Protein backbone atom coordinates (compact mmCIF):
# COMPACT_ATOMS: atom_id res chain seq x y z
CA UNK A 1 47.73 8.21 33.23
CA UNK A 2 50.52 6.05 31.82
CA UNK A 3 49.66 3.23 34.22
CA UNK A 4 46.08 3.10 32.93
CA UNK A 5 47.29 2.04 29.48
CA UNK A 6 49.39 -0.87 30.77
CA UNK A 7 46.79 -2.49 33.02
CA UNK A 8 44.35 -5.00 31.60
CA UNK A 9 40.60 -4.53 32.08
CA UNK A 10 40.57 -7.27 34.74
CA UNK A 11 43.47 -5.65 36.62
CA UNK A 12 41.67 -2.31 36.60
CA UNK A 13 38.48 -3.97 37.85
CA UNK A 14 40.36 -5.71 40.69
CA UNK A 15 42.02 -2.45 41.70
CA UNK A 16 38.68 -0.60 41.63
CA UNK A 17 37.03 -3.34 43.71
CA UNK A 18 39.81 -3.00 46.32
CA UNK A 19 39.31 0.79 46.46
CA UNK A 20 35.55 0.41 46.86
CA UNK A 21 35.96 -2.26 49.55
CA UNK A 22 38.42 -0.05 51.44
CA UNK A 23 35.92 2.86 51.51
CA UNK A 24 32.61 0.94 51.61
CA UNK A 25 31.99 1.51 55.34
CA UNK A 26 31.95 5.27 54.75
CA UNK A 27 29.27 5.04 52.04
CA UNK A 28 28.20 8.37 50.56
CA UNK A 29 30.92 10.28 52.47
CA UNK A 30 33.60 8.44 50.47
CA UNK A 31 32.04 9.07 47.05
CA UNK A 32 34.41 11.84 45.91
CA UNK A 33 37.50 9.96 47.09
CA UNK A 34 36.42 6.72 45.39
CA UNK A 35 35.57 8.54 42.15
CA UNK A 36 38.98 10.25 42.12
CA UNK A 37 40.74 6.93 42.68
CA UNK A 38 38.56 5.25 40.04
CA UNK A 39 39.43 7.95 37.51
CA UNK A 40 43.13 7.49 38.33
CA UNK A 41 42.74 3.77 37.56
CA UNK A 42 40.70 4.07 34.35
CA UNK A 43 41.64 7.54 33.13
CA UNK A 44 37.93 8.42 33.00
CA UNK A 45 34.63 7.25 34.54
CA UNK A 46 32.60 5.11 32.13
CA UNK A 47 29.09 4.02 33.14
CA UNK A 48 30.34 0.55 34.12
CA UNK A 49 32.67 2.12 36.70
CA UNK A 50 29.95 4.47 37.96
CA UNK A 51 27.65 1.46 38.50
CA UNK A 52 30.34 -0.41 40.45
CA UNK A 53 30.97 2.62 42.67
CA UNK A 54 27.24 3.11 43.29
CA UNK A 55 26.69 -0.53 44.19
CA UNK A 56 29.76 -0.68 46.42
CA UNK A 57 28.96 2.49 48.35
CA UNK A 58 25.20 1.92 48.56
CA UNK A 59 24.17 4.99 46.57
CA UNK A 60 22.20 5.33 43.36
CA UNK A 61 23.82 5.45 39.94
CA UNK A 62 21.96 8.74 39.43
CA UNK A 63 23.72 10.23 42.46
CA UNK A 64 27.11 9.04 41.22
CA UNK A 65 26.41 10.44 37.74
CA UNK A 66 25.26 13.72 39.30
CA UNK A 67 28.61 14.13 41.04
CA UNK A 68 30.60 13.03 37.98
CA UNK A 69 28.76 15.41 35.65
CA UNK A 70 28.85 18.34 38.10
CA UNK A 71 32.60 18.48 38.71
CA UNK A 72 34.71 19.44 35.69
CA UNK A 73 37.72 17.39 36.82
CA UNK A 74 35.75 14.17 36.32
CA UNK A 75 35.41 12.84 32.79
CA UNK A 76 32.96 10.33 31.32
CA UNK A 77 34.95 10.19 28.08
CA UNK A 78 38.41 8.70 27.62
CA UNK A 79 41.29 11.16 27.39
CA UNK A 80 44.12 10.92 24.90
CA UNK A 81 47.80 10.83 25.68
CA UNK A 82 47.79 14.47 24.55
CA UNK A 83 44.87 16.61 25.73
CA UNK A 84 44.43 19.61 23.43
CA UNK A 85 42.63 22.42 25.29
CA UNK A 86 41.49 25.37 23.22
CA UNK A 87 40.42 28.45 25.19
CA UNK A 88 37.06 29.89 24.18
CA UNK A 89 37.04 32.56 26.90
CA UNK A 90 36.11 36.10 25.90
CA UNK A 91 39.60 37.42 25.08
CA UNK A 92 40.54 34.31 23.10
CA UNK A 93 37.18 34.07 21.35
CA UNK A 94 37.33 37.71 20.21
CA UNK A 95 40.82 37.08 18.80
CA UNK A 96 39.77 34.01 16.79
CA UNK A 97 39.93 30.93 19.00
CA UNK A 98 36.90 29.36 17.29
CA UNK A 99 38.98 29.11 14.10
CA UNK A 100 41.74 27.45 16.16
CA UNK A 101 39.29 24.92 17.59
CA UNK A 102 37.81 24.25 14.16
CA UNK A 103 41.28 23.62 12.70
CA UNK A 104 42.26 21.27 15.55
CA UNK A 105 39.03 19.31 15.06
CA UNK A 106 39.60 19.09 11.31
CA UNK A 107 43.24 18.02 11.71
CA UNK A 108 42.44 15.32 14.27
CA UNK A 109 39.12 14.22 12.76
CA UNK A 110 37.28 14.45 16.08
CA UNK A 111 35.08 16.95 17.89
CA UNK A 112 35.58 18.64 21.25
CA UNK A 113 35.05 16.08 24.03
CA UNK A 114 36.18 13.17 21.84
CA UNK A 115 39.33 11.07 21.65
CA UNK A 116 41.12 9.76 18.56
CA UNK A 117 40.85 6.00 17.97
CA UNK A 118 44.55 5.52 18.69
CA UNK A 119 44.05 7.26 22.09
CA UNK A 120 46.78 9.75 21.18
CA UNK A 121 44.70 12.98 21.21
CA UNK A 122 41.56 14.33 22.80
CA UNK A 123 40.11 17.83 22.45
CA UNK A 124 38.71 20.01 25.19
CA UNK A 125 37.14 23.42 24.61
CA UNK A 126 37.61 25.35 27.85
CA UNK A 127 36.47 28.73 29.12
CA UNK A 128 39.74 30.26 30.34
CA UNK A 129 43.34 29.10 30.51
CA UNK A 130 44.42 32.27 32.32
CA UNK A 131 46.74 33.58 29.61
CA UNK A 132 44.46 36.23 28.15
CA UNK A 133 47.39 38.44 27.11
CA UNK A 134 48.47 35.67 24.71
CA UNK A 135 45.03 35.23 23.11
CA UNK A 136 44.11 33.09 21.31
CA UNK A 137 45.60 30.31 23.45
CA UNK A 138 45.77 26.53 23.22
CA UNK A 139 47.40 24.02 25.57
CA UNK A 140 48.58 20.52 24.81
CA UNK A 141 48.98 18.88 28.19
CA UNK A 142 51.18 21.43 30.01
CA UNK A 143 52.56 23.18 26.88
CA UNK A 144 51.01 26.61 26.21
CA UNK A 145 50.75 28.07 22.70
CA UNK A 146 49.72 31.71 22.39
CA UNK A 147 48.96 34.29 19.72
CA UNK A 148 47.97 31.43 17.44
CA UNK A 149 46.66 31.35 13.93
CA UNK A 150 44.85 28.39 12.40
CA UNK A 151 47.72 27.96 9.93
CA UNK A 152 50.09 27.04 12.80
CA UNK A 153 47.98 24.12 14.05
CA UNK A 154 49.18 21.36 11.66
CA UNK A 155 52.87 21.94 12.53
CA UNK A 156 52.14 22.05 16.27
CA UNK A 157 50.15 18.80 16.18
CA UNK A 158 52.87 17.16 14.04
CA UNK A 159 55.36 17.53 16.92
CA UNK A 160 53.09 15.40 19.12
CA UNK A 161 52.21 12.89 16.42
CA UNK A 162 55.92 12.14 15.99
CA UNK A 163 56.61 11.91 19.74
């Protein structure tokens, strides 16, 4: 994702156009591949990008949006440098993960699915991180934090703010 922040809008557009042109002859069959490459370029898939992909591959924008919204690995919202994922799966929820999510949202001033204006943080409420024994669990990128309390959130976020 680091490369997405250094490219200008025009450079991203040129790169996307090259990807679409490379796959255009395959049409609908290339949709997933083109969307993955587009997300690698932009960091997410805004409507403008979805329209370009649809036009270039000869499919409808509705079909492109259907694929983008169906698969969880595609995002229509920008992601921050640090993606904060708070598990709301059963084990975590029972042990207080909603309070963790609420505290993260309050500290960052954004809601789940949003990104801070400085593009430093985004929040994602997820269903299971796979560390149920550590409930409640939160991840920041690849770093896992378990057995959390809401009081610990400000200090954890401070480490990333200062990075």
